[in-house]
Amino acid sequence: VFEVTRAEWEKVMGPGTDPSRFAPGGEHAARVAGVPAGDAARFPVNAASWDDGQEFLARLNRLAPEPGWVYRLPR
């Protein structure tokens, strides 16, 4: 229902794994250079491939504490 934030992505996938173009080190990093880091961490992840999304979901499901709960992409 909601976009995955850059902070959530890195919490699941690890530091430095954010594929976003509007992130430090991303293709358009200069366009967000003046944004405080805490605010930029709340931006949604962009430029993630389908495979990246599937890997994120697999890792998220392994970390999820709720029994029987499965995170997935919508159909």
PDB file of N, CA and C in Angstrom:
ATOM      1  N   VAL A   1       0.826  -1.188   0.000  1.00  0.00           N
ATOM      2  CA  VAL A   1       0.000   0.000   0.000  1.00  0.00           C
ATOM      3  C   VAL A   1       0.869   1.251   0.000  1.00  0.00           C
ATOM      4  N   PHE A   2       2.003   1.204   0.706  1.00  0.00           N
ATOM      5  CA  PHE A   2       2.859   2.380   0.822  1.00  0.00           C
ATOM      6  C   PHE A   2       4.199   2.141   0.165  1.00  0.00           C
ATOM      7  N   GLU A   3       4.815   3.234  -0.281  1.00  0.00           N
ATOM      8  CA  GLU A   3       6.146   3.135  -0.852  1.00  0.00           C
ATOM      9  C   GLU A   3       7.142   2.723   0.231  1.00  0.00           C
ATOM     10  N   VAL A   4       8.201   2.072  -0.179  1.00  0.00           N
ATOM     11  CA  VAL A   4       9.290   1.723   0.735  1.00  0.00           C
ATOM     12  C   VAL A   4      10.222   2.923   0.787  1.00  0.00           C
ATOM     13  N   THR A   5      10.522   3.399   2.001  1.00  0.00           N
ATOM     14  CA  THR A   5      11.426   4.541   2.118  1.00  0.00           C
ATOM     15  C   THR A   5      12.867   4.076   1.971  1.00  0.00           C
ATOM     16  N   ARG A   6      13.745   5.032   1.711  1.00  0.00           N
ATOM     17  CA  ARG A   6      15.166   4.708   1.598  1.00  0.00           C
ATOM     18  C   ARG A   6      15.687   4.134   2.911  1.00  0.00           C
ATOM     19  N   ALA A   7      15.211   4.660   4.053  1.00  0.00           N
ATOM     20  CA  ALA A   7      15.650   4.148   5.362  1.00  0.00           C
ATOM     21  C   ALA A   7      15.185   2.709   5.568  1.00  0.00           C
ATOM     22  N   GLU A   8      13.939   2.410   5.182  1.00  0.00           N
ATOM     23  CA  GLU A   8      13.431   1.041   5.320  1.00  0.00           C
ATOM     24  C   GLU A   8      14.224   0.083   4.433  1.00  0.00           C
ATOM     25  N   TRP A   9      14.515   0.519   3.215  1.00  0.00           N
ATOM     26  CA  TRP A   9      15.285  -0.318   2.284  1.00  0.00           C
ATOM     27  C   TRP A   9      16.633  -0.690   2.890  1.00  0.00           C
ATOM     28  N   GLU A  10      17.348   0.311   3.400  1.00  0.00           N
ATOM     29  CA  GLU A  10      18.677   0.043   3.942  1.00  0.00           C
ATOM     30  C   GLU A  10      18.619  -0.761   5.236  1.00  0.00           C
ATOM     31  N   LYS A  11      17.531  -0.654   5.984  1.00  0.00           N
ATOM     32  CA  LYS A  11      17.384  -1.459   7.197  1.00  0.00           C
ATOM     33  C   LYS A  11      17.279  -2.943   6.831  1.00  0.00           C
ATOM     34  N   VAL A  12      16.601  -3.239   5.738  1.00  0.00           N
ATOM     35  CA  VAL A  12      16.412  -4.627   5.306  1.00  0.00           C
ATOM     36  C   VAL A  12      17.584  -5.118   4.455  1.00  0.00           C
ATOM     37  N   MET A  13      18.024  -4.310   3.502  1.00  0.00           N
ATOM     38  CA  MET A  13      19.027  -4.755   2.532  1.00  0.00           C
ATOM     39  C   MET A  13      20.468  -4.464   2.953  1.00  0.00           C
ATOM     40  N   GLY A  14      20.648  -3.532   3.878  1.00  0.00           N
ATOM     41  CA  GLY A  14      21.987  -3.184   4.339  1.00  0.00           C
ATOM     42  C   GLY A  14      22.406  -1.799   3.882  1.00  0.00           C
ATOM     43  N   PRO A  15      23.340  -1.197   4.592  1.00  0.00           N
ATOM     44  CA  PRO A  15      23.812   0.142   4.244  1.00  0.00           C
ATOM     45  C   PRO A  15      24.443   0.189   2.855  1.00  0.00           C
ATOM     46  N   GLY A  16      24.189   1.288   2.170  1.00  0.00           N
ATOM     47  CA  GLY A  16      24.787   1.499   0.856  1.00  0.00           C
ATOM     48  C   GLY A  16      24.159   0.728  -0.286  1.00  0.00           C
ATOM     49  N   THR A  17      22.979   0.141  -0.072  1.00  0.00           N
ATOM     50  CA  THR A  17      22.345  -0.672  -1.119  1.00  0.00           C
ATOM     51  C   THR A  17      21.198   0.043  -1.828  1.00  0.00           C
ATOM     52  N   ASP A  18      20.907   1.262  -1.426  1.00  0.00           N
ATOM     53  CA  ASP A  18      19.781   2.018  -1.996  1.00  0.00           C
ATOM     54  C   ASP A  18      20.020   2.288  -3.481  1.00  0.00           C
ATOM     55  N   PRO A  19      19.148   1.789  -4.367  1.00  0.00           N
ATOM     56  CA  PRO A  19      19.341   1.987  -5.801  1.00  0.00           C
ATOM     57  C   PRO A  19      18.813   3.325  -6.331  1.00  0.00           C
ATOM     58  N   SER A  20      18.291   4.170  -5.461  1.00  0.00           N
ATOM     59  CA  SER A  20      17.615   5.402  -5.882  1.00  0.00           C
ATOM     60  C   SER A  20      18.528   6.357  -6.631  1.00  0.00           C
ATOM     61  N   ARG A  21      17.965   6.965  -7.653  1.00  0.00           N
ATOM     62  CA  ARG A  21      18.689   7.977  -8.412  1.00  0.00           C
ATOM     63  C   ARG A  21      18.795   9.275  -7.618  1.00  0.00           C
ATOM     64  N   PHE A  22      17.833   9.535  -6.718  1.00  0.00           N
ATOM     65  CA  PHE A  22      17.820  10.755  -5.917  1.00  0.00           C
ATOM     66  C   PHE A  22      18.345  10.476  -4.516  1.00  0.00           C
ATOM     67  N   ALA A  23      19.537   9.914  -4.438  1.00  0.00           N
ATOM     68  CA  ALA A  23      20.197   9.572  -3.186  1.00  0.00           C
ATOM     69  C   ALA A  23      21.664   9.977  -3.291  1.00  0.00           C
ATOM     70  N   PRO A  24      22.343  10.143  -2.163  1.00  0.00           N
ATOM     71  CA  PRO A  24      23.779  10.423  -2.251  1.00  0.00           C
ATOM     72  C   PRO A  24      24.467   9.318  -3.062  1.00  0.00           C
ATOM     73  N   GLY A  25      25.188   9.726  -4.049  1.00  0.00           N
ATOM     74  CA  GLY A  25      25.846   8.755  -4.918  1.00  0.00           C
ATOM     75  C   GLY A  25      24.984   8.308  -6.080  1.00  0.00           C
ATOM     76  N   GLY A  26      23.718   8.725  -6.101  1.00  0.00           N
ATOM     77  CA  GLY A  26      22.820   8.363  -7.191  1.00  0.00           C
ATOM     78  C   GLY A  26      23.001   9.265  -8.388  1.00  0.00           C
ATOM     79  N   GLU A  27      22.370   8.912  -9.473  1.00  0.00           N
ATOM     80  CA  GLU A  27      22.472   9.641 -10.733  1.00  0.00           C
ATOM     81  C   GLU A  27      22.092  11.122 -10.590  1.00  0.00           C
ATOM     82  N   HIS A  28      21.099  11.423  -9.762  1.00  0.00           N
ATOM     83  CA  HIS A  28      20.626  12.799  -9.577  1.00  0.00           C
ATOM     84  C   HIS A  28      20.914  13.318  -8.173  1.00  0.00           C
ATOM     85  N   ALA A  29      22.032  12.931  -7.597  1.00  0.00           N
ATOM     86  CA  ALA A  29      22.392  13.322  -6.228  1.00  0.00           C
ATOM     87  C   ALA A  29      22.444  14.838  -6.061  1.00  0.00           C
ATOM     88  N   ALA A  30      22.880  15.553  -7.076  1.00  0.00           N
ATOM     89  CA  ALA A  30      22.994  17.009  -6.978  1.00  0.00           C
ATOM     90  C   ALA A  30      21.628  17.665  -6.773  1.00  0.00           C
ATOM     91  N   ARG A  31      20.574  17.049  -7.257  1.00  0.00           N
ATOM     92  CA  ARG A  31      19.231  17.629  -7.137  1.00  0.00           C
ATOM     93  C   ARG A  31      18.682  17.550  -5.716  1.00  0.00           C
ATOM     94  N   VAL A  32      19.260  16.699  -4.875  1.00  0.00           N
ATOM     95  CA  VAL A  32      18.805  16.574  -3.487  1.00  0.00           C
ATOM     96  C   VAL A  32      19.925  16.899  -2.501  1.00  0.00           C
ATOM     97  N   ALA A  33      20.977  17.558  -2.987  1.00  0.00           N
ATOM     98  CA  ALA A  33      22.140  17.837  -2.148  1.00  0.00           C
ATOM     99  C   ALA A  33      21.792  18.686  -0.930  1.00  0.00           C
ATOM    100  N   GLY A  34      20.829  19.581  -1.023  1.00  0.00           N
ATOM    101  CA  GLY A  34      20.479  20.456   0.087  1.00  0.00           C
ATOM    102  C   GLY A  34      19.460  19.877   1.052  1.00  0.00           C
ATOM    103  N   VAL A  35      18.992  18.681   0.792  1.00  0.00           N
ATOM    104  CA  VAL A  35      17.971  18.057   1.646  1.00  0.00           C
ATOM    105  C   VAL A  35      18.666  17.405   2.844  1.00  0.00           C
ATOM    106  N   PRO A  36      18.221  17.728   4.069  1.00  0.00           N
ATOM    107  CA  PRO A  36      18.822  17.079   5.244  1.00  0.00           C
ATOM    108  C   PRO A  36      18.717  15.555   5.156  1.00  0.00           C
ATOM    109  N   ALA A  37      19.722  14.865   5.663  1.00  0.00           N
ATOM    110  CA  ALA A  37      19.784  13.405   5.558  1.00  0.00           C
ATOM    111  C   ALA A  37      18.551  12.727   6.141  1.00  0.00           C
ATOM    112  N   GLY A  38      18.046  13.224   7.270  1.00  0.00           N
ATOM    113  CA  GLY A  38      16.859  12.627   7.885  1.00  0.00           C
ATOM    114  C   GLY A  38      15.636  12.731   7.006  1.00  0.00           C
ATOM    115  N   ASP A  39      15.502  13.858   6.302  1.00  0.00           N
ATOM    116  CA  ASP A  39      14.379  14.026   5.381  1.00  0.00           C
ATOM    117  C   ASP A  39      14.548  13.145   4.151  1.00  0.00           C
ATOM    118  N   ALA A  40      15.762  13.104   3.619  1.00  0.00           N
ATOM    119  CA  ALA A  40      16.026  12.308   2.420  1.00  0.00           C
ATOM    120  C   ALA A  40      15.813  10.818   2.686  1.00  0.00           C
ATOM    121  N   ALA A  41      16.028  10.377   3.911  1.00  0.00           N
ATOM    122  CA  ALA A  41      15.828   8.966   4.256  1.00  0.00           C
ATOM    123  C   ALA A  41      14.363   8.572   4.172  1.00  0.00           C
ATOM    124  N   ARG A  42      13.466   9.560   4.223  1.00  0.00           N
ATOM    125  CA  ARG A  42      12.027   9.284   4.126  1.00  0.00           C
ATOM    126  C   ARG A  42      11.519   9.308   2.688  1.00  0.00           C
ATOM    127  N   PHE A  43      12.390   9.649   1.738  1.00  0.00           N
ATOM    128  CA  PHE A  43      12.003   9.606   0.323  1.00  0.00           C
ATOM    129  C   PHE A  43      11.758   8.158  -0.077  1.00  0.00           C
ATOM    130  N   PRO A  44      10.852   7.914  -1.024  1.00  0.00           N
ATOM    131  CA  PRO A  44      10.649   6.537  -1.485  1.00  0.00           C
ATOM    132  C   PRO A  44      11.833   6.059  -2.329  1.00  0.00           C
ATOM    133  N   VAL A  45      12.061   4.775  -2.303  1.00  0.00           N
ATOM    134  CA  VAL A  45      13.088   4.167  -3.151  1.00  0.00           C
ATOM    135  C   VAL A  45      12.605   4.250  -4.591  1.00  0.00           C
ATOM    136  N   ASN A  46      13.510   4.603  -5.491  1.00  0.00           N
ATOM    137  CA  ASN A  46      13.181   4.597  -6.919  1.00  0.00           C
ATOM    138  C   ASN A  46      14.312   3.906  -7.654  1.00  0.00           C
ATOM    139  N   ALA A  47      14.052   3.476  -8.849  1.00  0.00           N
ATOM    140  CA  ALA A  47      15.035   2.809  -9.710  1.00  0.00           C
ATOM    141  C   ALA A  47      15.387   1.402  -9.239  1.00  0.00           C
ATOM    142  N   ALA A  48      14.567   0.806  -8.404  1.00  0.00           N
ATOM    143  CA  ALA A  48      14.791  -0.590  -8.013  1.00  0.00           C
ATOM    144  C   ALA A  48      14.203  -1.486  -9.100  1.00  0.00           C
ATOM    145  N   SER A  49      14.928  -2.514  -9.457  1.00  0.00           N
ATOM    146  CA  SER A  49      14.435  -3.450 -10.470  1.00  0.00           C
ATOM    147  C   SER A  49      13.423  -4.408  -9.846  1.00  0.00           C
ATOM    148  N   TRP A  50      12.749  -5.164 -10.688  1.00  0.00           N
ATOM    149  CA  TRP A  50      11.823  -6.194 -10.207  1.00  0.00           C
ATOM    150  C   TRP A  50      12.577  -7.193  -9.321  1.00  0.00           C
ATOM    151  N   ASP A  51      13.756  -7.594  -9.778  1.00  0.00           N
ATOM    152  CA  ASP A  51      14.557  -8.537  -9.009  1.00  0.00           C
ATOM    153  C   ASP A  51      14.979  -7.946  -7.662  1.00  0.00           C
ATOM    154  N   ASP A  52      15.344  -6.647  -7.644  1.00  0.00           N
ATOM    155  CA  ASP A  52      15.669  -5.976  -6.381  1.00  0.00           C
ATOM    156  C   ASP A  52      14.472  -6.027  -5.439  1.00  0.00           C
ATOM    157  N   GLY A  53      13.290  -5.758  -5.972  1.00  0.00           N
ATOM    158  CA  GLY A  53      12.074  -5.793  -5.164  1.00  0.00           C
ATOM    159  C   GLY A  53      11.795  -7.172  -4.606  1.00  0.00           C
ATOM    160  N   GLN A  54      11.997  -8.191  -5.409  1.00  0.00           N
ATOM    161  CA  GLN A  54      11.773  -9.560  -4.950  1.00  0.00           C
ATOM    162  C   GLN A  54      12.774  -9.941  -3.850  1.00  0.00           C
ATOM    163  N   GLU A  55      14.018  -9.527  -4.004  1.00  0.00           N
ATOM    164  CA  GLU A  55      15.025  -9.807  -2.975  1.00  0.00           C
ATOM    165  C   GLU A  55      14.684  -9.059  -1.686  1.00  0.00           C
ATOM    166  N   PHE A  56      14.245  -7.805  -1.814  1.00  0.00           N
ATOM    167  CA  PHE A  56      13.823  -7.037  -0.639  1.00  0.00           C
ATOM    168  C   PHE A  56      12.699  -7.768   0.096  1.00  0.00           C
ATOM    169  N   LEU A  57      11.695  -8.239  -0.644  1.00  0.00           N
ATOM    170  CA  LEU A  57      10.566  -8.930  -0.028  1.00  0.00           C
ATOM    171  C   LEU A  57      10.991 -10.239   0.625  1.00  0.00           C
ATOM    172  N   ALA A  58      11.886 -10.971  -0.011  1.00  0.00           N
ATOM    173  CA  ALA A  58      12.365 -12.235   0.572  1.00  0.00           C
ATOM    174  C   ALA A  58      13.063 -11.971   1.901  1.00  0.00           C
ATOM    175  N   ARG A  59      13.907 -10.962   1.932  1.00  0.00           N
ATOM    176  CA  ARG A  59      14.611 -10.631   3.176  1.00  0.00           C
ATOM    177  C   ARG A  59      13.644 -10.092   4.225  1.00  0.00           C
ATOM    178  N   LEU A  60      12.705  -9.250   3.797  1.00  0.00           N
ATOM    179  CA  LEU A  60      11.712  -8.705   4.729  1.00  0.00           C
ATOM    180  C   LEU A  60      10.877  -9.819   5.341  1.00  0.00           C
ATOM    181  N   ASN A  61      10.478 -10.784   4.541  1.00  0.00           N
ATOM    182  CA  ASN A  61       9.690 -11.902   5.064  1.00  0.00           C
ATOM    183  C   ASN A  61      10.483 -12.749   6.054  1.00  0.00           C
ATOM    184  N   ARG A  62      11.789 -12.884   5.852  1.00  0.00           N
ATOM    185  CA  ARG A  62      12.612 -13.617   6.821  1.00  0.00           C
ATOM    186  C   ARG A  62      12.725 -12.857   8.141  1.00  0.00           C
ATOM    187  N   LEU A  63      12.668 -11.516   8.086  1.00  0.00           N
ATOM    188  CA  LEU A  63      12.789 -10.686   9.283  1.00  0.00           C
ATOM    189  C   LEU A  63      11.462 -10.453   9.997  1.00  0.00           C
ATOM    190  N   ALA A  64      10.345 -10.660   9.306  1.00  0.00           N
ATOM    191  CA  ALA A  64       9.019 -10.339   9.855  1.00  0.00           C
ATOM    192  C   ALA A  64       8.702 -11.207  11.076  1.00  0.00           C
ATOM    193  N   PRO A  65       8.331 -10.566  12.180  1.00  0.00           N
ATOM    194  CA  PRO A  65       8.033 -11.332  13.389  1.00  0.00           C
ATOM    195  C   PRO A  65       6.630 -11.943  13.409  1.00  0.00           C
ATOM    196  N   GLU A  66       5.742 -11.494  12.543  1.00  0.00           N
ATOM    197  CA  GLU A  66       4.364 -11.971  12.561  1.00  0.00           C
ATOM    198  C   GLU A  66       4.256 -13.335  11.878  1.00  0.00           C
ATOM    199  N   PRO A  67       3.809 -14.366  12.582  1.00  0.00           N
ATOM    200  CA  PRO A  67       3.665 -15.682  11.942  1.00  0.00           C
ATOM    201  C   PRO A  67       2.540 -15.651  10.910  1.00  0.00           C
ATOM    202  N   GLY A  68       2.797 -16.246   9.750  1.00  0.00           N
ATOM    203  CA  GLY A  68       1.787 -16.339   8.711  1.00  0.00           C
ATOM    204  C   GLY A  68       1.626 -15.089   7.861  1.00  0.00           C
ATOM    205  N   TRP A  69       2.340 -14.023   8.192  1.00  0.00           N
ATOM    206  CA  TRP A  69       2.240 -12.775   7.436  1.00  0.00           C
ATOM    207  C   TRP A  69       3.246 -12.812   6.304  1.00  0.00           C
ATOM    208  N   VAL A  70       2.812 -12.514   5.073  1.00  0.00           N
ATOM    209  CA  VAL A  70       3.705 -12.539   3.920  1.00  0.00           C
ATOM    210  C   VAL A  70       3.616 -11.211   3.180  1.00  0.00           C
ATOM    211  N   TYR A  71       4.740 -10.553   3.034  1.00  0.00           N
ATOM    212  CA  TYR A  71       4.815  -9.326   2.245  1.00  0.00           C
ATOM    213  C   TYR A  71       5.015  -9.726   0.790  1.00  0.00           C
ATOM    214  N   ARG A  72       4.331  -9.031  -0.124  1.00  0.00           N
ATOM    215  CA  ARG A  72       4.451  -9.333  -1.533  1.00  0.00           C
ATOM    216  C   ARG A  72       4.115  -8.091  -2.353  1.00  0.00           C
ATOM    217  N   LEU A  73       4.435  -8.151  -3.623  1.00  0.00           N
ATOM    218  CA  LEU A  73       4.041  -7.078  -4.537  1.00  0.00           C
ATOM    219  C   LEU A  73       2.586  -7.277  -4.934  1.00  0.00           C
ATOM    220  N   PRO A  74       1.858  -6.182  -5.169  1.00  0.00           N
ATOM    221  CA  PRO A  74       0.466  -6.346  -5.593  1.00  0.00           C
ATOM    222  C   PRO A  74       0.399  -6.932  -6.997  1.00  0.00           C
ATOM    223  N   ARG A  75      -0.714  -7.553  -7.293  1.00  0.00           N
ATOM    224  CA  ARG A  75      -0.914  -8.125  -8.642  1.00  0.00           C
ATOM    225  C   ARG A  75      -1.580  -7.136  -9.534  1.00  0.00           C
TER     226      ARG A  75
END
